[in-house]
């Protein structure tokens, strides 16, 4: 947990990915990086429309693809506990879900839908991690209000550090776009989808990716 005299809560430690490993057929079964999600949720809400790729990419790599090593991160959850991608190495796959803002309409619809069907996405083989650039205390209030059954990670300081490492940070608006990465228990990306701010992702795509990965 962060010290009161230390850096702002939710400060991550980010490590760039290592060299890619051979691609896996699972990657071809997903929507594909940059592909729009289909179905699942309404797309209204306060977030301004934005297409993936419209944000400033000058200070971040492109999103990792299926077969790439996932960038390692350490973030703080809504309870102030440190959560690292390496915590799951050799144990569980991770469904890493970046979303723009807590308490916003489309994000709330997406996260609530995952929560309501959490047994489809989180079990002994896979763990859901939802990350935004909100501060820890905002995420604590959000989780308490909504009752989400998975961690909310604060990618708040350095602001958007994990989102930048995954190529999904919108520098103009200071938030993540809607990027999801299925990372296996060896730390390899198996499936991705990256949508714009207003474009909700499909739970059916998540289910298909998890089934194809055998998790």
C-alpha atoms as a PDB file:
ATOM      1  CA  UNK A   1       0.000   0.000   0.000  1.00  0.00           C
ATOM      2  CA  UNK A   2       1.251   3.489  -0.768  1.00  0.00           C
ATOM      3  CA  UNK A   3       2.740   5.524   2.072  1.00  0.00           C
ATOM      4  CA  UNK A   4       1.038   8.881   2.881  1.00  0.00           C
ATOM      5  CA  UNK A   5       4.381  10.531   2.242  1.00  0.00           C
ATOM      6  CA  UNK A   6       5.216   8.528  -0.885  1.00  0.00           C
ATOM      7  CA  UNK A   7       4.216   8.983  -4.516  1.00  0.00           C
ATOM      8  CA  UNK A   8       0.510   9.236  -5.448  1.00  0.00           C
ATOM      9  CA  UNK A   9      -1.580   6.104  -4.906  1.00  0.00           C
ATOM     10  CA  UNK A  10      -1.750   3.700  -7.777  1.00  0.00           C
ATOM     11  CA  UNK A  11       1.749   4.395  -9.084  1.00  0.00           C
ATOM     12  CA  UNK A  12       2.763   1.574 -11.405  1.00  0.00           C
ATOM     13  CA  UNK A  13       6.004  -0.052 -12.260  1.00  0.00           C
ATOM     14  CA  UNK A  14       6.097  -0.696 -15.997  1.00  0.00           C
ATOM     15  CA  UNK A  15       8.512  -2.887 -17.911  1.00  0.00           C
ATOM     16  CA  UNK A  16       8.548  -3.003 -21.728  1.00  0.00           C
ATOM     17  CA  UNK A  17       7.836  -6.342 -23.399  1.00  0.00           C
ATOM     18  CA  UNK A  18      10.662  -8.635 -24.420  1.00  0.00           C
ATOM     19  CA  UNK A  19      11.050 -10.013 -27.930  1.00  0.00           C
ATOM     20  CA  UNK A  20       7.954 -11.602 -29.484  1.00  0.00           C
ATOM     21  CA  UNK A  21       7.425 -15.324 -29.258  1.00  0.00           C
ATOM     22  CA  UNK A  22       5.842 -17.360 -32.067  1.00  0.00           C
ATOM     23  CA  UNK A  23       2.235 -16.503 -32.705  1.00  0.00           C
ATOM     24  CA  UNK A  24      -0.584 -18.728 -31.551  1.00  0.00           C
ATOM     25  CA  UNK A  25      -3.709 -19.656 -33.533  1.00  0.00           C
ATOM     26  CA  UNK A  26      -5.786 -18.163 -30.725  1.00  0.00           C
ATOM     27  CA  UNK A  27      -4.823 -14.707 -31.947  1.00  0.00           C
ATOM     28  CA  UNK A  28      -6.595 -15.271 -35.225  1.00  0.00           C
ATOM     29  CA  UNK A  29      -9.850 -16.108 -33.486  1.00  0.00           C
ATOM     30  CA  UNK A  30     -10.247 -12.728 -31.797  1.00  0.00           C
ATOM     31  CA  UNK A  31     -11.547  -9.469 -33.088  1.00  0.00           C
ATOM     32  CA  UNK A  32      -8.007  -8.277 -33.777  1.00  0.00           C
ATOM     33  CA  UNK A  33      -6.242  -5.185 -32.566  1.00  0.00           C
ATOM     34  CA  UNK A  34      -8.102  -2.147 -33.784  1.00  0.00           C
ATOM     35  CA  UNK A  35     -11.224  -4.119 -34.684  1.00  0.00           C
ATOM     36  CA  UNK A  36     -14.515  -2.734 -33.395  1.00  0.00           C
ATOM     37  CA  UNK A  37     -16.425  -4.762 -30.841  1.00  0.00           C
ATOM     38  CA  UNK A  38     -19.868  -5.930 -31.824  1.00  0.00           C
ATOM     39  CA  UNK A  39     -22.990  -6.253 -29.737  1.00  0.00           C
ATOM     40  CA  UNK A  40     -23.037  -6.532 -25.988  1.00  0.00           C
ATOM     41  CA  UNK A  41     -23.871  -2.992 -24.843  1.00  0.00           C
ATOM     42  CA  UNK A  42     -25.346   0.341 -25.824  1.00  0.00           C
ATOM     43  CA  UNK A  43     -22.825   2.880 -27.041  1.00  0.00           C
ATOM     44  CA  UNK A  44     -24.321   6.080 -25.659  1.00  0.00           C
ATOM     45  CA  UNK A  45     -22.614   7.989 -22.857  1.00  0.00           C
ATOM     46  CA  UNK A  46     -20.503  10.967 -21.986  1.00  0.00           C
ATOM     47  CA  UNK A  47     -17.259   9.751 -23.513  1.00  0.00           C
ATOM     48  CA  UNK A  48     -16.414  11.617 -26.748  1.00  0.00           C
ATOM     49  CA  UNK A  49     -16.162   9.482 -29.847  1.00  0.00           C
ATOM     50  CA  UNK A  50     -12.643   8.498 -30.796  1.00  0.00           C
ATOM     51  CA  UNK A  51     -11.227   5.924 -33.123  1.00  0.00           C
ATOM     52  CA  UNK A  52      -8.315   3.760 -32.017  1.00  0.00           C
ATOM     53  CA  UNK A  53      -5.151   5.281 -33.376  1.00  0.00           C
ATOM     54  CA  UNK A  54      -6.429   8.875 -33.184  1.00  0.00           C
ATOM     55  CA  UNK A  55      -4.595   9.478 -29.908  1.00  0.00           C
ATOM     56  CA  UNK A  56      -1.017  10.672 -29.794  1.00  0.00           C
ATOM     57  CA  UNK A  57       1.223   7.612 -30.321  1.00  0.00           C
ATOM     58  CA  UNK A  58       4.515   9.508 -30.103  1.00  0.00           C
ATOM     59  CA  UNK A  59       5.397   8.256 -26.632  1.00  0.00           C
ATOM     60  CA  UNK A  60       3.983   4.744 -26.745  1.00  0.00           C
ATOM     61  CA  UNK A  61       4.448   1.549 -28.725  1.00  0.00           C
ATOM     62  CA  UNK A  62       1.682  -0.038 -30.781  1.00  0.00           C
ATOM     63  CA  UNK A  63      -0.559  -2.439 -28.852  1.00  0.00           C
ATOM     64  CA  UNK A  64       0.983  -5.903 -28.439  1.00  0.00           C
ATOM     65  CA  UNK A  65      -0.341  -8.564 -30.795  1.00  0.00           C
ATOM     66  CA  UNK A  66      -1.108 -12.235 -30.301  1.00  0.00           C
ATOM     67  CA  UNK A  67       2.186 -14.012 -29.745  1.00  0.00           C
ATOM     68  CA  UNK A  68       3.953 -10.981 -28.191  1.00  0.00           C
ATOM     69  CA  UNK A  69       5.212 -10.932 -24.636  1.00  0.00           C
ATOM     70  CA  UNK A  70       2.845  -8.832 -22.534  1.00  0.00           C
ATOM     71  CA  UNK A  71       4.368  -5.711 -20.936  1.00  0.00           C
ATOM     72  CA  UNK A  72       4.839  -6.374 -17.222  1.00  0.00           C
ATOM     73  CA  UNK A  73       3.157  -3.920 -14.842  1.00  0.00           C
ATOM     74  CA  UNK A  74       2.612  -3.427 -11.135  1.00  0.00           C
ATOM     75  CA  UNK A  75      -0.413  -1.314 -10.193  1.00  0.00           C
ATOM     76  CA  UNK A  76      -2.468  -0.689  -7.052  1.00  0.00           C
ATOM     77  CA  UNK A  77      -6.029  -1.972  -6.733  1.00  0.00           C
ATOM     78  CA  UNK A  78      -8.975  -0.182  -5.128  1.00  0.00           C
ATOM     79  CA  UNK A  79      -7.975  -1.573  -1.718  1.00  0.00           C
ATOM     80  CA  UNK A  80      -4.415  -0.244  -1.959  1.00  0.00           C
ATOM     81  CA  UNK A  81      -2.926  -3.668  -2.639  1.00  0.00           C
ATOM     82  CA  UNK A  82      -0.151  -4.142  -5.173  1.00  0.00           C
ATOM     83  CA  UNK A  83      -1.115  -6.261  -8.194  1.00  0.00           C
ATOM     84  CA  UNK A  84       1.484  -7.355 -10.748  1.00  0.00           C
ATOM     85  CA  UNK A  85       1.130  -9.303 -13.950  1.00  0.00           C
ATOM     86  CA  UNK A  86       3.906 -11.549 -12.658  1.00  0.00           C
ATOM     87  CA  UNK A  87       1.677 -12.536  -9.703  1.00  0.00           C
ATOM     88  CA  UNK A  88      -0.206 -14.768 -12.150  1.00  0.00           C
ATOM     89  CA  UNK A  89       2.793 -16.269 -13.949  1.00  0.00           C
ATOM     90  CA  UNK A  90       2.500 -20.046 -14.007  1.00  0.00           C
ATOM     91  CA  UNK A  91      -0.898 -19.880 -12.255  1.00  0.00           C
ATOM     92  CA  UNK A  92      -3.626 -18.145 -14.247  1.00  0.00           C
ATOM     93  CA  UNK A  93      -4.283 -16.344 -17.486  1.00  0.00           C
ATOM     94  CA  UNK A  94      -5.275 -12.667 -17.192  1.00  0.00           C
ATOM     95  CA  UNK A  95      -8.073 -10.854 -19.021  1.00  0.00           C
ATOM     96  CA  UNK A  96      -6.752  -7.278 -18.842  1.00  0.00           C
ATOM     97  CA  UNK A  97      -9.503  -4.749 -19.568  1.00  0.00           C
ATOM     98  CA  UNK A  98      -8.553  -1.088 -20.020  1.00  0.00           C
ATOM     99  CA  UNK A  99     -11.460   1.369 -19.820  1.00  0.00           C
ATOM    100  CA  UNK A 100     -11.542   5.190 -19.986  1.00  0.00           C
ATOM    101  CA  UNK A 101     -13.306   6.464 -16.855  1.00  0.00           C
ATOM    102  CA  UNK A 102     -14.915   5.289 -13.629  1.00  0.00           C
ATOM    103  CA  UNK A 103     -18.547   6.331 -13.138  1.00  0.00           C
ATOM    104  CA  UNK A 104     -19.123   6.832 -16.874  1.00  0.00           C
ATOM    105  CA  UNK A 105     -22.001   5.326 -18.784  1.00  0.00           C
ATOM    106  CA  UNK A 106     -20.383   3.029 -21.345  1.00  0.00           C
ATOM    107  CA  UNK A 107     -17.624   1.920 -18.985  1.00  0.00           C
ATOM    108  CA  UNK A 108     -20.197   1.153 -16.321  1.00  0.00           C
ATOM    109  CA  UNK A 109     -22.248  -0.900 -18.784  1.00  0.00           C
ATOM    110  CA  UNK A 110     -19.194  -2.895 -19.847  1.00  0.00           C
ATOM    111  CA  UNK A 111     -17.916  -3.578 -16.338  1.00  0.00           C
ATOM    112  CA  UNK A 112     -21.369  -4.352 -14.965  1.00  0.00           C
ATOM    113  CA  UNK A 113     -21.945  -6.854 -17.784  1.00  0.00           C
ATOM    114  CA  UNK A 114     -18.649  -8.590 -16.940  1.00  0.00           C
ATOM    115  CA  UNK A 115     -19.609  -8.599 -13.250  1.00  0.00           C
ATOM    116  CA  UNK A 116     -23.020 -10.111 -13.951  1.00  0.00           C
ATOM    117  CA  UNK A 117     -21.408 -12.943 -15.961  1.00  0.00           C
ATOM    118  CA  UNK A 118     -18.151 -13.054 -14.025  1.00  0.00           C
ATOM    119  CA  UNK A 119     -18.174 -16.857 -13.836  1.00  0.00           C
ATOM    120  CA  UNK A 120     -17.651 -16.865 -17.617  1.00  0.00           C
ATOM    121  CA  UNK A 121     -14.500 -14.749 -17.370  1.00  0.00           C
ATOM    122  CA  UNK A 122     -12.949 -15.442 -13.977  1.00  0.00           C
ATOM    123  CA  UNK A 123     -12.183 -18.803 -12.422  1.00  0.00           C
ATOM    124  CA  UNK A 124      -9.211 -20.900 -11.323  1.00  0.00           C
ATOM    125  CA  UNK A 125      -7.742 -20.585 -14.842  1.00  0.00           C
ATOM    126  CA  UNK A 126      -8.236 -16.876 -15.557  1.00  0.00           C
ATOM    127  CA  UNK A 127      -8.434 -13.585 -13.628  1.00  0.00           C
ATOM    128  CA  UNK A 128     -10.121 -10.358 -14.746  1.00  0.00           C
ATOM    129  CA  UNK A 129      -8.148  -7.150 -14.116  1.00  0.00           C
ATOM    130  CA  UNK A 130      -9.821  -3.847 -15.054  1.00  0.00           C
ATOM    131  CA  UNK A 131      -7.533  -0.806 -15.335  1.00  0.00           C
ATOM    132  CA  UNK A 132      -8.174   2.908 -15.770  1.00  0.00           C
ATOM    133  CA  UNK A 133      -6.220   6.115 -15.157  1.00  0.00           C
ATOM    134  CA  UNK A 134      -8.469   7.072 -12.243  1.00  0.00           C
ATOM    135  CA  UNK A 135      -7.052   7.581  -8.740  1.00  0.00           C
ATOM    136  CA  UNK A 136      -7.235   4.819  -6.152  1.00  0.00           C
ATOM    137  CA  UNK A 137      -9.875   6.527  -4.016  1.00  0.00           C
ATOM    138  CA  UNK A 138     -12.160   7.103  -6.997  1.00  0.00           C
ATOM    139  CA  UNK A 139     -11.892   3.415  -7.858  1.00  0.00           C
ATOM    140  CA  UNK A 140     -12.615   2.419  -4.261  1.00  0.00           C
ATOM    141  CA  UNK A 141     -15.822   4.453  -4.294  1.00  0.00           C
ATOM    142  CA  UNK A 142     -16.707   3.059  -7.728  1.00  0.00           C
ATOM    143  CA  UNK A 143     -16.144  -0.552  -6.675  1.00  0.00           C
ATOM    144  CA  UNK A 144     -18.067  -0.057  -3.423  1.00  0.00           C
ATOM    145  CA  UNK A 145     -21.013   1.419  -5.288  1.00  0.00           C
ATOM    146  CA  UNK A 146     -21.109  -1.166  -8.077  1.00  0.00           C
ATOM    147  CA  UNK A 147     -19.943  -4.231  -6.135  1.00  0.00           C
ATOM    148  CA  UNK A 148     -17.630  -5.486  -8.877  1.00  0.00           C
ATOM    149  CA  UNK A 149     -16.238  -8.975  -8.295  1.00  0.00           C
ATOM    150  CA  UNK A 150     -12.779  -8.259  -9.755  1.00  0.00           C
ATOM    151  CA  UNK A 151      -9.957  -5.777  -9.042  1.00  0.00           C
ATOM    152  CA  UNK A 152     -10.002  -2.228 -10.375  1.00  0.00           C
ATOM    153  CA  UNK A 153      -6.412  -1.102 -10.971  1.00  0.00           C
ATOM    154  CA  UNK A 154      -5.302   2.527 -10.686  1.00  0.00           C
ATOM    155  CA  UNK A 155      -3.023   3.445 -13.608  1.00  0.00           C
ATOM    156  CA  UNK A 156      -2.874   6.927 -12.145  1.00  0.00           C
ATOM    157  CA  UNK A 157       0.800   7.698 -11.572  1.00  0.00           C
ATOM    158  CA  UNK A 158       2.870   7.887 -13.660  1.00  0.00           C
ATOM    159  CA  UNK A 159      -0.366   8.829 -15.367  1.00  0.00           C
ATOM    160  CA  UNK A 160      -1.372   6.137 -17.858  1.00  0.00           C
ATOM    161  CA  UNK A 161       1.933   4.283 -17.544  1.00  0.00           C
ATOM    162  CA  UNK A 162       0.432   0.837 -18.108  1.00  0.00           C
ATOM    163  CA  UNK A 163      -1.943   2.093 -20.808  1.00  0.00           C
ATOM    164  CA  UNK A 164       1.042   3.614 -22.652  1.00  0.00           C
ATOM    165  CA  UNK A 165       2.966   0.333 -22.378  1.00  0.00           C
ATOM    166  CA  UNK A 166       0.010  -1.420 -24.025  1.00  0.00           C
ATOM    167  CA  UNK A 167      -0.398   1.291 -26.686  1.00  0.00           C
ATOM    168  CA  UNK A 168      -3.897   2.302 -25.580  1.00  0.00           C
ATOM    169  CA  UNK A 169      -3.358   5.700 -23.920  1.00  0.00           C
ATOM    170  CA  UNK A 170      -5.226   8.699 -25.349  1.00  0.00           C
ATOM    171  CA  UNK A 171      -2.819  11.542 -24.542  1.00  0.00           C
ATOM    172  CA  UNK A 172      -5.273  14.261 -25.568  1.00  0.00           C
ATOM    173  CA  UNK A 173      -7.944  13.136 -23.099  1.00  0.00           C
ATOM    174  CA  UNK A 174      -5.648  11.618 -20.485  1.00  0.00           C
ATOM    175  CA  UNK A 175      -7.320   8.227 -20.389  1.00  0.00           C
ATOM    176  CA  UNK A 176      -7.113   4.734 -21.817  1.00  0.00           C
ATOM    177  CA  UNK A 177      -9.145   3.738 -24.843  1.00  0.00           C
ATOM    178  CA  UNK A 178     -11.022   0.433 -24.726  1.00  0.00           C
ATOM    179  CA  UNK A 179      -8.293  -2.164 -25.063  1.00  0.00           C
ATOM    180  CA  UNK A 180      -8.569  -5.764 -23.863  1.00  0.00           C
ATOM    181  CA  UNK A 181      -5.709  -8.260 -23.769  1.00  0.00           C
ATOM    182  CA  UNK A 182      -5.940 -11.964 -22.990  1.00  0.00           C
ATOM    183  CA  UNK A 183      -2.569 -12.937 -21.525  1.00  0.00           C
ATOM    184  CA  UNK A 184      -1.779 -16.581 -20.837  1.00  0.00           C
ATOM    185  CA  UNK A 185      -0.140 -17.951 -17.688  1.00  0.00           C
ATOM    186  CA  UNK A 186       3.270 -17.680 -19.354  1.00  0.00           C
ATOM    187  CA  UNK A 187       2.852 -13.942 -19.964  1.00  0.00           C
ATOM    188  CA  UNK A 188       2.147 -14.185 -23.698  1.00  0.00           C
ATOM    189  CA  UNK A 189      -0.654 -12.211 -25.366  1.00  0.00           C
ATOM    190  CA  UNK A 190      -3.138 -14.582 -26.989  1.00  0.00           C
ATOM    191  CA  UNK A 191      -5.895 -12.221 -28.142  1.00  0.00           C
ATOM    192  CA  UNK A 192      -6.575  -8.489 -28.284  1.00  0.00           C
ATOM    193  CA  UNK A 193      -9.219  -5.962 -29.200  1.00  0.00           C
ATOM    194  CA  UNK A 194      -8.812  -2.164 -29.174  1.00  0.00           C
ATOM    195  CA  UNK A 195     -11.848   0.097 -29.633  1.00  0.00           C
ATOM    196  CA  UNK A 196     -12.407   3.840 -29.506  1.00  0.00           C
ATOM    197  CA  UNK A 197     -13.774   5.606 -26.450  1.00  0.00           C
ATOM    198  CA  UNK A 198     -17.434   5.312 -27.423  1.00  0.00           C
ATOM    199  CA  UNK A 199     -17.285   1.750 -28.807  1.00  0.00           C
ATOM    200  CA  UNK A 200     -18.201  -0.897 -26.240  1.00  0.00           C
ATOM    201  CA  UNK A 201     -16.666  -4.346 -26.515  1.00  0.00           C
ATOM    202  CA  UNK A 202     -18.515  -7.628 -26.936  1.00  0.00           C
ATOM    203  CA  UNK A 203     -18.731 -10.237 -24.179  1.00  0.00           C
ATOM    204  CA  UNK A 204     -19.251 -12.862 -26.859  1.00  0.00           C
ATOM    205  CA  UNK A 205     -15.823 -11.976 -28.278  1.00  0.00           C
ATOM    206  CA  UNK A 206     -14.336 -12.471 -24.802  1.00  0.00           C
ATOM    207  CA  UNK A 207     -16.030 -15.850 -24.458  1.00  0.00           C
ATOM    208  CA  UNK A 208     -14.813 -16.979 -27.870  1.00  0.00           C
ATOM    209  CA  UNK A 209     -11.229 -15.889 -27.106  1.00  0.00           C
ATOM    210  CA  UNK A 210     -11.193 -17.669 -23.755  1.00  0.00           C
ATOM    211  CA  UNK A 211     -12.627 -20.828 -25.297  1.00  0.00           C
ATOM    212  CA  UNK A 212     -10.056 -20.790 -28.080  1.00  0.00           C
ATOM    213  CA  UNK A 213      -7.286 -20.346 -25.501  1.00  0.00           C
ATOM    214  CA  UNK A 214      -8.637 -23.190 -23.395  1.00  0.00           C
ATOM    215  CA  UNK A 215      -9.142 -21.056 -20.283  1.00  0.00           C
END
